[in-house]
C-alpha atoms as a PDB file:
ATOM      1  CA  MET A   1      -1.935  -3.942  20.365  1.00  0.00           C
ATOM      2  CA  VAL A   2      -4.798  -1.379  20.715  1.00  0.00           C
ATOM      3  CA  LEU A   3      -3.903   1.805  22.594  1.00  0.00           C
ATOM      4  CA  PRO A   4      -6.409   3.921  24.423  1.00  0.00           C
ATOM      5  CA  GLY A   5      -7.038   7.589  23.405  1.00  0.00           C
ATOM      6  CA  VAL A   6      -9.720  10.049  23.132  1.00  0.00           C
ATOM      7  CA  SER A   7     -13.000   8.353  22.088  1.00  0.00           C
ATOM      8  CA  PHE A   8     -15.214   9.352  19.195  1.00  0.00           C
ATOM      9  CA  ALA A   9     -18.211  11.410  20.366  1.00  0.00           C
ATOM     10  CA  ASP A  10     -21.236   9.319  21.374  1.00  0.00           C
ATOM     11  CA  ALA A  11     -19.258   6.056  21.166  1.00  0.00           C
ATOM     12  CA  ASN A  12     -20.585   4.753  24.492  1.00  0.00           C
ATOM     13  CA  ALA A  13     -21.228   1.145  23.939  1.00  0.00           C
ATOM     14  CA  SER A  14     -19.158  -1.819  25.092  1.00  0.00           C
ATOM     15  CA  LEU A  15     -17.592  -3.931  22.238  1.00  0.00           C
ATOM     16  CA  ASP A  16     -20.052  -6.806  23.161  1.00  0.00           C
ATOM     17  CA  ASP A  17     -23.008  -4.514  22.752  1.00  0.00           C
ATOM     18  CA  ALA A  18     -21.895  -2.552  19.729  1.00  0.00           C
ATOM     19  CA  ASP A  19     -23.221  -2.635  16.210  1.00  0.00           C
ATOM     20  CA  PHE A  20     -20.465  -0.201  14.970  1.00  0.00           C
ATOM     21  CA  VAL A  21     -16.825  -0.426  16.090  1.00  0.00           C
ATOM     22  CA  ILE A  22     -14.335   2.465  15.421  1.00  0.00           C
ATOM     23  CA  LEU A  23     -10.707   1.851  15.184  1.00  0.00           C
ATOM     24  CA  GLY A  24      -7.818   4.220  14.518  1.00  0.00           C
ATOM     25  CA  ILE A  25      -4.733   3.226  12.577  1.00  0.00           C
ATOM     26  CA  PRO A  26      -2.177   6.066  12.854  1.00  0.00           C
ATOM     27  CA  PHE A  27       0.190   5.071  10.098  1.00  0.00           C
ATOM     28  CA  ASP A  28       1.803   7.067   7.272  1.00  0.00           C
ATOM     29  CA  ARG A  29       5.220   5.628   6.599  1.00  0.00           C
ATOM     30  CA  THR A  30       4.540   5.401   2.843  1.00  0.00           C
ATOM     31  CA  ALA A  31       3.441   8.960   2.394  1.00  0.00           C
ATOM     32  CA  SER A  32       4.814  10.257  -0.858  1.00  0.00           C
ATOM     33  CA  PHE A  33       4.264  13.962  -0.702  1.00  0.00           C
ATOM     34  CA  ARG A  34       3.241  15.427   2.766  1.00  0.00           C
ATOM     35  CA  SER A  35       3.311  13.256   5.950  1.00  0.00           C
ATOM     36  CA  GLY A  36       1.254  13.629   9.082  1.00  0.00           C
ATOM     37  CA  ALA A  37      -1.760  11.356   8.441  1.00  0.00           C
ATOM     38  CA  ARG A  38      -0.746   9.390  11.475  1.00  0.00           C
ATOM     39  CA  PHE A  39      -2.162  12.174  13.716  1.00  0.00           C
ATOM     40  CA  ALA A  40      -5.492  12.017  12.071  1.00  0.00           C
ATOM     41  CA  PRO A  41      -7.395   9.363  14.146  1.00  0.00           C
ATOM     42  CA  ASN A  42      -7.323  11.432  17.404  1.00  0.00           C
ATOM     43  CA  VAL A  43      -7.911  14.810  15.713  1.00  0.00           C
ATOM     44  CA  ILE A  44     -10.897  13.397  13.815  1.00  0.00           C
ATOM     45  CA  ARG A  45     -12.197  12.196  17.144  1.00  0.00           C
ATOM     46  CA  GLU A  46     -11.675  15.570  18.697  1.00  0.00           C
ATOM     47  CA  ALA A  47     -13.488  17.231  15.829  1.00  0.00           C
ATOM     48  CA  SER A  48     -16.444  14.695  16.310  1.00  0.00           C
ATOM     49  CA  TYR A  49     -17.509  16.598  19.420  1.00  0.00           C
ATOM     50  CA  ASN A  50     -18.482  19.611  17.329  1.00  0.00           C
ATOM     51  CA  PHE A  51     -21.693  18.135  16.164  1.00  0.00           C
ATOM     52  CA  GLU A  52     -25.080  17.622  17.507  1.00  0.00           C
ATOM     53  CA  THR A  53     -26.069  14.076  18.296  1.00  0.00           C
ATOM     54  CA  PHE A  54     -29.212  14.302  16.270  1.00  0.00           C
ATOM     55  CA  LEU A  55     -29.016  14.150  12.421  1.00  0.00           C
ATOM     56  CA  PHE A  56     -32.218  15.865  11.708  1.00  0.00           C
ATOM     57  CA  GLU A  57     -32.343  15.016   7.828  1.00  0.00           C
ATOM     58  CA  HIS A  58     -32.234  11.362   8.867  1.00  0.00           C
ATOM     59  CA  GLU A  59     -34.240  11.564  12.019  1.00  0.00           C
ATOM     60  CA  VAL A  60     -31.518   9.660  13.675  1.00  0.00           C
ATOM     61  CA  ASP A  61     -29.881  10.441  17.080  1.00  0.00           C
ATOM     62  CA  LEU A  62     -26.443   8.833  17.613  1.00  0.00           C
ATOM     63  CA  VAL A  63     -26.989   8.324  21.348  1.00  0.00           C
ATOM     64  CA  ASP A  64     -29.542   5.691  20.300  1.00  0.00           C
ATOM     65  CA  ILE A  65     -27.010   3.755  18.420  1.00  0.00           C
ATOM     66  CA  PRO A  66     -24.595   1.175  20.038  1.00  0.00           C
ATOM     67  CA  ILE A  67     -21.047   2.600  19.092  1.00  0.00           C
ATOM     68  CA  HIS A  68     -17.721   1.396  20.431  1.00  0.00           C
ATOM     69  CA  ASP A  69     -14.471   3.085  20.106  1.00  0.00           C
ATOM     70  CA  ALA A  70     -11.595   0.490  20.200  1.00  0.00           C
ATOM     71  CA  GLY A  71      -8.942   3.100  20.241  1.00  0.00           C
ATOM     72  CA  ASN A  72      -5.917   3.031  18.137  1.00  0.00           C
ATOM     73  CA  LEU A  73      -3.457   0.451  16.844  1.00  0.00           C
ATOM     74  CA  GLU A  74       0.149   0.993  17.917  1.00  0.00           C
ATOM     75  CA  GLU A  75       2.398   2.644  15.434  1.00  0.00           C
ATOM     76  CA  PHE A  76       4.254   0.161  13.195  1.00  0.00           C
ATOM     77  CA  ASP A  77       7.730   0.430  11.654  1.00  0.00           C
ATOM     78  CA  THR A  78       6.905  -1.019   8.251  1.00  0.00           C
ATOM     79  CA  VAL A  79       3.747  -1.084   6.120  1.00  0.00           C
ATOM     80  CA  ASP A  80       3.808  -4.848   5.931  1.00  0.00           C
ATOM     81  CA  GLU A  81       3.743  -5.050   9.716  1.00  0.00           C
ATOM     82  CA  MET A  82       0.845  -2.844   9.859  1.00  0.00           C
ATOM     83  CA  VAL A  83      -1.123  -4.653   7.184  1.00  0.00           C
ATOM     84  CA  SER A  84      -0.633  -7.974   8.904  1.00  0.00           C
ATOM     85  CA  SER A  85      -1.523  -6.840  12.276  1.00  0.00           C
ATOM     86  CA  ALA A  86      -4.398  -4.532  11.288  1.00  0.00           C
ATOM     87  CA  GLU A  87      -6.011  -7.450   9.408  1.00  0.00           C
ATOM     88  CA  MET A  88      -6.226  -9.727  12.350  1.00  0.00           C
ATOM     89  CA  GLU A  89      -7.494  -6.921  14.640  1.00  0.00           C
ATOM     90  CA  ILE A  90     -10.095  -5.689  12.344  1.00  0.00           C
ATOM     91  CA  ARG A  91     -11.302  -9.281  11.548  1.00  0.00           C
ATOM     92  CA  GLY A  92     -11.853  -9.723  15.312  1.00  0.00           C
ATOM     93  CA  LEU A  93     -13.541  -6.462  15.939  1.00  0.00           C
ATOM     94  CA  SER A  94     -15.929  -6.829  12.901  1.00  0.00           C
ATOM     95  CA  SER A  95     -17.051 -10.369  13.976  1.00  0.00           C
ATOM     96  CA  GLU A  96     -20.594 -11.216  14.803  1.00  0.00           C
ATOM     97  CA  GLY A  97     -21.905  -8.666  12.101  1.00  0.00           C
ATOM     98  CA  ARG A  98     -20.408  -5.541  13.697  1.00  0.00           C
ATOM     99  CA  PHE A  99     -19.623  -2.742  11.280  1.00  0.00           C
ATOM    100  CA  PRO A 100     -16.004  -1.647  11.225  1.00  0.00           C
ATOM    101  CA  VAL A 101     -15.194   2.063  10.939  1.00  0.00           C
ATOM    102  CA  ILE A 102     -11.695   2.713  10.311  1.00  0.00           C
ATOM    103  CA  LEU A 103      -9.885   6.105  10.804  1.00  0.00           C
ATOM    104  CA  GLY A 104      -6.658   6.424   8.843  1.00  0.00           C
ATOM    105  CA  GLY A 105      -3.826   6.969   8.619  1.00  0.00           C
ATOM    106  CA  GLU A 106      -2.773   6.857   4.935  1.00  0.00           C
ATOM    107  CA  HIS A 107      -4.717   4.926   2.411  1.00  0.00           C
ATOM    108  CA  SER A 108      -2.723   1.705   2.815  1.00  0.00           C
ATOM    109  CA  VAL A 109      -4.879   1.041   6.009  1.00  0.00           C
ATOM    110  CA  THR A 110      -7.704   0.062   3.676  1.00  0.00           C
ATOM    111  CA  ILE A 111      -5.764  -3.006   2.619  1.00  0.00           C
ATOM    112  CA  PRO A 112      -6.105  -4.891   5.877  1.00  0.00           C
ATOM    113  CA  ALA A 113      -9.722  -3.578   6.252  1.00  0.00           C
ATOM    114  CA  VAL A 114     -10.758  -5.007   2.960  1.00  0.00           C
ATOM    115  CA  ARG A 115      -8.804  -8.393   3.612  1.00  0.00           C
ATOM    116  CA  SER A 116     -10.661  -8.764   6.882  1.00  0.00           C
ATOM    117  CA  LEU A 117     -14.030  -9.031   5.023  1.00  0.00           C
ATOM    118  CA  GLN A 118     -15.226 -11.693   2.541  1.00  0.00           C
ATOM    119  CA  ASP A 119     -17.834 -11.502  -0.450  1.00  0.00           C
ATOM    120  CA  ILE A 120     -17.636  -7.831  -0.732  1.00  0.00           C
ATOM    121  CA  GLY A 121     -17.296  -5.092  -3.510  1.00  0.00           C
ATOM    122  CA  VAL A 122     -15.294  -1.940  -2.906  1.00  0.00           C
ATOM    123  CA  ILE A 123     -16.177   1.557  -3.886  1.00  0.00           C
ATOM    124  CA  SER A 124     -13.436   4.033  -3.432  1.00  0.00           C
ATOM    125  CA  ILE A 125     -13.585   7.815  -3.495  1.00  0.00           C
ATOM    126  CA  ASP A 126     -10.154   8.945  -4.515  1.00  0.00           C
ATOM    127  CA  ALA A 127      -8.374  11.730  -6.535  1.00  0.00           C
ATOM    128  CA  HIS A 128      -5.843   9.010  -7.562  1.00  0.00           C
ATOM    129  CA  LEU A 129      -6.297   5.520  -9.112  1.00  0.00           C
ATOM    130  CA  ASP A 130      -3.569   4.119  -6.888  1.00  0.00           C
ATOM    131  CA  PHE A 131      -3.117   1.128  -9.190  1.00  0.00           C
ATOM    132  CA  ARG A 132       0.698   0.782  -9.181  1.00  0.00           C
ATOM    133  CA  ASP A 133       1.899  -2.792  -8.449  1.00  0.00           C
ATOM    134  CA  GLU A 134       4.705  -1.215  -6.429  1.00  0.00           C
ATOM    135  CA  TYR A 135       5.857   2.239  -5.540  1.00  0.00           C
ATOM    136  CA  LEU A 136       9.425   2.965  -4.162  1.00  0.00           C
ATOM    137  CA  GLY A 137       9.793  -0.770  -3.541  1.00  0.00           C
ATOM    138  CA  GLU A 138       6.639  -1.141  -1.501  1.00  0.00           C
ATOM    139  CA  ARG A 139       3.758  -3.315  -2.765  1.00  0.00           C
ATOM    140  CA  ASN A 140       1.503  -2.183   0.139  1.00  0.00           C
ATOM    141  CA  SER A 141       2.142   1.610  -0.492  1.00  0.00           C
ATOM    142  CA  HIS A 142      -0.672   4.004  -0.375  1.00  0.00           C
ATOM    143  CA  ALA A 143       0.024   4.495  -4.067  1.00  0.00           C
ATOM    144  CA  CYS A 144      -0.787   0.739  -4.552  1.00  0.00           C
ATOM    145  CA  VAL A 145      -3.915   0.427  -2.459  1.00  0.00           C
ATOM    146  CA  THR A 146      -6.434  -0.143  -5.418  1.00  0.00           C
ATOM    147  CA  ARG A 147      -4.172  -2.818  -6.835  1.00  0.00           C
ATOM    148  CA  ARG A 148      -3.970  -4.619  -3.508  1.00  0.00           C
ATOM    149  CA  ILE A 149      -7.689  -4.474  -3.106  1.00  0.00           C
ATOM    150  CA  THR A 150      -8.219  -6.005  -6.455  1.00  0.00           C
ATOM    151  CA  ASP A 151      -5.905  -8.817  -5.386  1.00  0.00           C
ATOM    152  CA  HIS A 152      -8.365  -9.588  -2.737  1.00  0.00           C
ATOM    153  CA  VAL A 153     -11.799  -9.027  -4.382  1.00  0.00           C
ATOM    154  CA  GLY A 154     -11.036  -9.123  -7.976  1.00  0.00           C
ATOM    155  CA  MET A 155     -10.905  -6.368 -10.745  1.00  0.00           C
ATOM    156  CA  GLU A 156     -14.712  -6.635 -11.353  1.00  0.00           C
ATOM    157  CA  ASN A 157     -15.473  -5.856  -7.683  1.00  0.00           C
ATOM    158  CA  VAL A 158     -13.667  -2.439  -7.394  1.00  0.00           C
ATOM    159  CA  PHE A 159     -14.949   0.922  -8.712  1.00  0.00           C
ATOM    160  CA  VAL A 160     -13.293   4.254  -8.079  1.00  0.00           C
ATOM    161  CA  LEU A 161     -15.114   7.724  -8.023  1.00  0.00           C
ATOM    162  CA  GLY A 162     -13.649  11.041  -8.308  1.00  0.00           C
ATOM    163  CA  VAL A 163     -10.468  10.160 -10.048  1.00  0.00           C
ATOM    164  CA  ARG A 164      -8.323  13.006 -11.553  1.00  0.00           C
ATOM    165  CA  SER A 165      -4.785  11.678 -11.447  1.00  0.00           C
ATOM    166  CA  MET A 166      -2.961   8.600 -12.613  1.00  0.00           C
ATOM    167  CA  SER A 167       0.359   7.707 -14.349  1.00  0.00           C
ATOM    168  CA  ARG A 168       0.430   6.782 -18.069  1.00  0.00           C
ATOM    169  CA  GLU A 169       1.191   3.127 -17.040  1.00  0.00           C
ATOM    170  CA  GLU A 170      -1.894   3.032 -14.866  1.00  0.00           C
ATOM    171  CA  PHE A 171      -3.971   4.411 -17.633  1.00  0.00           C
ATOM    172  CA  GLU A 172      -2.635   2.016 -20.327  1.00  0.00           C
ATOM    173  CA  ASP A 173      -2.816  -1.102 -18.060  1.00  0.00           C
ATOM    174  CA  GLU A 174      -5.765  -3.198 -17.404  1.00  0.00           C
ATOM    175  CA  ARG A 175      -7.441  -1.472 -14.496  1.00  0.00           C
ATOM    176  CA  PRO A 176     -10.791  -1.412 -12.521  1.00  0.00           C
ATOM    177  CA  ASP A 177     -13.459   0.793 -13.779  1.00  0.00           C
ATOM    178  CA  PHE A 178     -13.624   4.523 -12.583  1.00  0.00           C
ATOM    179  CA  ILE A 179     -15.507   7.727 -13.208  1.00  0.00           C
ATOM    180  CA  ASP A 180     -13.535  11.003 -13.134  1.00  0.00           C
ATOM    181  CA  ALA A 181     -14.290  13.962 -11.030  1.00  0.00           C
ATOM    182  CA  LEU A 182     -15.307  16.167 -13.984  1.00  0.00           C
ATOM    183  CA  THR A 183     -17.906  13.597 -15.207  1.00  0.00           C
ATOM    184  CA  ILE A 184     -19.384  13.584 -11.728  1.00  0.00           C
ATOM    185  CA  ARG A 185     -19.556  17.341 -11.724  1.00  0.00           C
ATOM    186  CA  GLU A 186     -21.310  17.250 -15.094  1.00  0.00           C
ATOM    187  CA  GLU A 187     -23.653  14.314 -14.617  1.00  0.00           C
ATOM    188  CA  GLY A 188     -24.141  14.121 -10.845  1.00  0.00           C
ATOM    189  CA  MET A 189     -23.159  11.706  -8.189  1.00  0.00           C
ATOM    190  CA  ASP A 190     -26.512   9.671  -8.242  1.00  0.00           C
ATOM    191  CA  GLY A 191     -25.788   8.339 -11.649  1.00  0.00           C
ATOM    192  CA  ALA A 192     -22.110   7.629 -10.876  1.00  0.00           C
ATOM    193  CA  VAL A 193     -22.934   5.563  -7.760  1.00  0.00           C
ATOM    194  CA  ARG A 194     -25.719   3.684  -9.510  1.00  0.00           C
ATOM    195  CA  ARG A 195     -23.297   2.830 -12.339  1.00  0.00           C
ATOM    196  CA  ALA A 196     -20.818   1.646  -9.897  1.00  0.00           C
ATOM    197  CA  LEU A 197     -23.340  -0.661  -8.264  1.00  0.00           C
ATOM    198  CA  GLY A 198     -24.546  -1.926 -11.607  1.00  0.00           C
ATOM    199  CA  THR A 199     -21.010  -2.830 -12.527  1.00  0.00           C
ATOM    200  CA  LEU A 200     -19.883  -4.552  -9.251  1.00  0.00           C
ATOM    201  CA  ASP A 201     -20.542  -8.278  -8.899  1.00  0.00           C
ATOM    202  CA  LYS A 202     -21.376  -8.127  -5.079  1.00  0.00           C
ATOM    203  CA  LYS A 203     -24.350  -6.841  -2.963  1.00  0.00           C
ATOM    204  CA  ARG A 204     -22.188  -6.132   0.147  1.00  0.00           C
ATOM    205  CA  ILE A 205     -20.174  -2.948  -0.264  1.00  0.00           C
ATOM    206  CA  TYR A 206     -17.099  -1.576   1.467  1.00  0.00           C
ATOM    207  CA  LEU A 207     -16.677   2.172   1.065  1.00  0.00           C
ATOM    208  CA  THR A 208     -13.368   3.836   1.343  1.00  0.00           C
ATOM    209  CA  ILE A 209     -13.023   7.660   1.301  1.00  0.00           C
ATOM    210  CA  ASP A 210      -9.657   9.049   0.548  1.00  0.00           C
ATOM    211  CA  ILE A 211     -10.256  12.710   1.696  1.00  0.00           C
ATOM    212  CA  ASP A 212      -8.109  13.734  -1.336  1.00  0.00           C
ATOM    213  CA  GLY A 213     -11.004  12.740  -3.483  1.00  0.00           C
ATOM    214  CA  ILE A 214     -12.859  15.778  -2.290  1.00  0.00           C
ATOM    215  CA  ASP A 215     -11.851  19.006  -3.696  1.00  0.00           C
ATOM    216  CA  PRO A 216      -9.109  20.710  -1.576  1.00  0.00           C
ATOM    217  CA  ALA A 217     -11.386  23.747  -1.322  1.00  0.00           C
ATOM    218  CA  PHE A 218     -13.455  21.564   1.075  1.00  0.00           C
ATOM    219  CA  ALA A 219     -10.623  19.366   2.415  1.00  0.00           C
ATOM    220  CA  PRO A 220      -7.204  21.027   2.121  1.00  0.00           C
ATOM    221  CA  GLY A 221      -5.600  19.050   4.935  1.00  0.00           C
ATOM    222  CA  THR A 222      -4.484  16.084   2.957  1.00  0.00           C
ATOM    223  CA  GLY A 223      -1.062  14.656   2.014  1.00  0.00           C
ATOM    224  CA  THR A 224      -1.584  14.781  -1.797  1.00  0.00           C
ATOM    225  CA  PRO A 225      -4.078  17.503  -2.672  1.00  0.00           C
ATOM    226  CA  GLU A 226      -5.485  17.363  -6.234  1.00  0.00           C
ATOM    227  CA  PRO A 227      -7.699  20.362  -7.503  1.00  0.00           C
ATOM    228  CA  PHE A 228     -10.880  19.882  -9.578  1.00  0.00           C
ATOM    229  CA  GLY A 229     -12.461  17.339  -7.234  1.00  0.00           C
ATOM    230  CA  ILE A 230     -15.908  16.346  -6.106  1.00  0.00           C
ATOM    231  CA  SER A 231     -17.677  18.343  -3.390  1.00  0.00           C
ATOM    232  CA  ASP A 232     -18.358  17.427   0.241  1.00  0.00           C
ATOM    233  CA  MET A 233     -22.159  17.066  -0.638  1.00  0.00           C
ATOM    234  CA  ASP A 234     -21.217  14.732  -3.445  1.00  0.00           C
ATOM    235  CA  ALA A 235     -19.494  12.470  -0.786  1.00  0.00           C
ATOM    236  CA  LYS A 236     -22.594  12.691   1.424  1.00  0.00           C
ATOM    237  CA  ARG A 237     -24.899  11.774  -1.451  1.00  0.00           C
ATOM    238  CA  CYS A 238     -22.727   8.755  -2.157  1.00  0.00           C
ATOM    239  CA  ILE A 239     -23.078   7.607   1.413  1.00  0.00           C
ATOM    240  CA  ASN A 240     -26.790   8.010   1.454  1.00  0.00           C
ATOM    241  CA  ILE A 241     -27.190   5.877  -1.658  1.00  0.00           C
ATOM    242  CA  LEU A 242     -24.824   3.073  -0.539  1.00  0.00           C
ATOM    243  CA  ALA A 243     -26.081   2.930   3.068  1.00  0.00           C
ATOM    244  CA  PRO A 244     -28.392  -0.089   2.712  1.00  0.00           C
ATOM    245  CA  ARG A 245     -25.459  -2.214   1.285  1.00  0.00           C
ATOM    246  CA  LEU A 246     -22.499  -1.066   3.340  1.00  0.00           C
ATOM    247  CA  VAL A 247     -20.759  -3.426   5.493  1.00  0.00           C
ATOM    248  CA  GLY A 248     -17.609  -1.362   6.330  1.00  0.00           C
ATOM    249  CA  PHE A 249     -16.220   2.095   5.933  1.00  0.00           C
ATOM    250  CA  ASP A 250     -12.942   3.964   6.345  1.00  0.00           C
ATOM    251  CA  VAL A 251     -11.748   7.590   5.982  1.00  0.00           C
ATOM    252  CA  VAL A 252      -8.120   8.131   5.237  1.00  0.00           C
ATOM    253  CA  GLU A 253      -5.458  10.671   4.354  1.00  0.00           C
ATOM    254  CA  VAL A 254      -6.504  13.486   6.517  1.00  0.00           C
ATOM    255  CA  CYS A 255      -3.211  15.321   7.374  1.00  0.00           C
ATOM    256  CA  PRO A 256      -3.642  17.583  10.339  1.00  0.00           C
ATOM    257  CA  PRO A 257      -0.269  19.463  10.012  1.00  0.00           C
ATOM    258  CA  TYR A 258      -1.812  20.955   6.664  1.00  0.00           C
ATOM    259  CA  ASP A 259      -5.334  21.608   8.131  1.00  0.00           C
ATOM    260  CA  HIS A 260      -7.004  24.239  10.019  1.00  0.00           C
ATOM    261  CA  GLY A 261      -9.596  21.861  11.368  1.00  0.00           C
ATOM    262  CA  ASN A 262     -12.040  21.904   8.556  1.00  0.00           C
ATOM    263  CA  THR A 263     -10.803  18.729   6.892  1.00  0.00           C
ATOM    264  CA  ALA A 264     -10.892  16.736  10.171  1.00  0.00           C
ATOM    265  CA  ALA A 265     -14.434  18.184  10.809  1.00  0.00           C
ATOM    266  CA  LEU A 266     -15.480  16.828   7.381  1.00  0.00           C
ATOM    267  CA  ALA A 267     -13.947  13.474   8.089  1.00  0.00           C
ATOM    268  CA  ALA A 268     -15.775  13.283  11.491  1.00  0.00           C
ATOM    269  CA  ARG A 269     -19.080  14.341   9.871  1.00  0.00           C
ATOM    270  CA  LEU A 270     -18.639  11.627   7.075  1.00  0.00           C
ATOM    271  CA  VAL A 271     -18.191   9.035   9.854  1.00  0.00           C
ATOM    272  CA  ARG A 272     -21.336  10.160  11.527  1.00  0.00           C
ATOM    273  CA  GLU A 273     -23.233  10.127   8.167  1.00  0.00           C
ATOM    274  CA  VAL A 274     -22.293   6.546   7.560  1.00  0.00           C
ATOM    275  CA  ILE A 275     -23.301   5.422  11.079  1.00  0.00           C
ATOM    276  CA  ALA A 276     -26.663   7.153  10.980  1.00  0.00           C
ATOM    277  CA  THR A 277     -27.591   6.124   7.367  1.00  0.00           C
ATOM    278  CA  VAL A 278     -26.425   2.532   7.835  1.00  0.00           C
ATOM    279  CA  TRP A 279     -28.286   2.299  11.253  1.00  0.00           C
ATOM    280  CA  LYS A 280     -31.364   3.775   9.620  1.00  0.00           C
ATOM    281  CA  ALA A 281     -31.349   1.373   6.869  1.00  0.00           C
ATOM    282  CA  ARG A 282     -30.843  -1.695   9.017  1.00  0.00           C
ATOM    283  CA  GLN A 283     -33.660  -0.539  11.295  1.00  0.00           C
ATOM    284  CA  LYS A 284     -35.941  -0.334   8.202  1.00  0.00           C
ATOM    285  CA  MET A 285     -34.956  -3.796   7.194  1.00  0.00           C
ATOM    286  CA  VAL A 286     -35.772  -5.156  10.592  1.00  0.00           C
ATOM    287  CA  ARG A 287     -39.249  -3.562  10.487  1.00  0.00           C
ATOM    288  CA  CYS A 288     -39.891  -4.997   7.072  1.00  0.00           C
END
């Protein structure tokens, strides 16, 4: 069931007319440190009204883009229920070439989003590798999201950017490729993204941004903050490079009870960045 709520700013199109569809998944039942990400979808939407419709660096105005806000899924009792229901909902919303934009919620909401798409690679910005097979008895925990993604797309089609925390077992196990945050700081995001694209075996890319991948100086309102992260501008640069190949996006792990509004504002601005740059890239392809 999709529940109505405050709409994302400038999302004024009907579903039938939309190229981009926003869906909130207010779920955080596997949160392992600080809970509250379930409040994020509507808080991110509220923050979206802070911005001009025109993104001057891209010469794109969001009022010219057909965006539909489908509201929020209902709150589920278990993570397995969420994954099953959300996968069916996202698959329906993203049919006919629509671009899904998912507002978490904890990072486990990426599992159904990725499962709803086929023939994709996944690039993740995340402080944590999240490659446990199970955590506290849950295979679909937010601490297992990268493992569950590889179950769907294959180890060779997942790449994680900004990592700075993992267990010994994750480090010693066979795992997907990653570039740590220190390397990105020293060598730049451009090279990191191009290395990821060169490694993945797919042209179509799904991007998931766990907001804790960005340094808590820029995004303090998250459930599991890790110092020494990438910058907000690194995340923007990543989006700009990937835009021509993106087929879906989510931003997750914003935790409003530990925020003063700046983390939600960043998440909203990242959503707008994705929509603007993907739209611009698609329009360029049409003209060509």
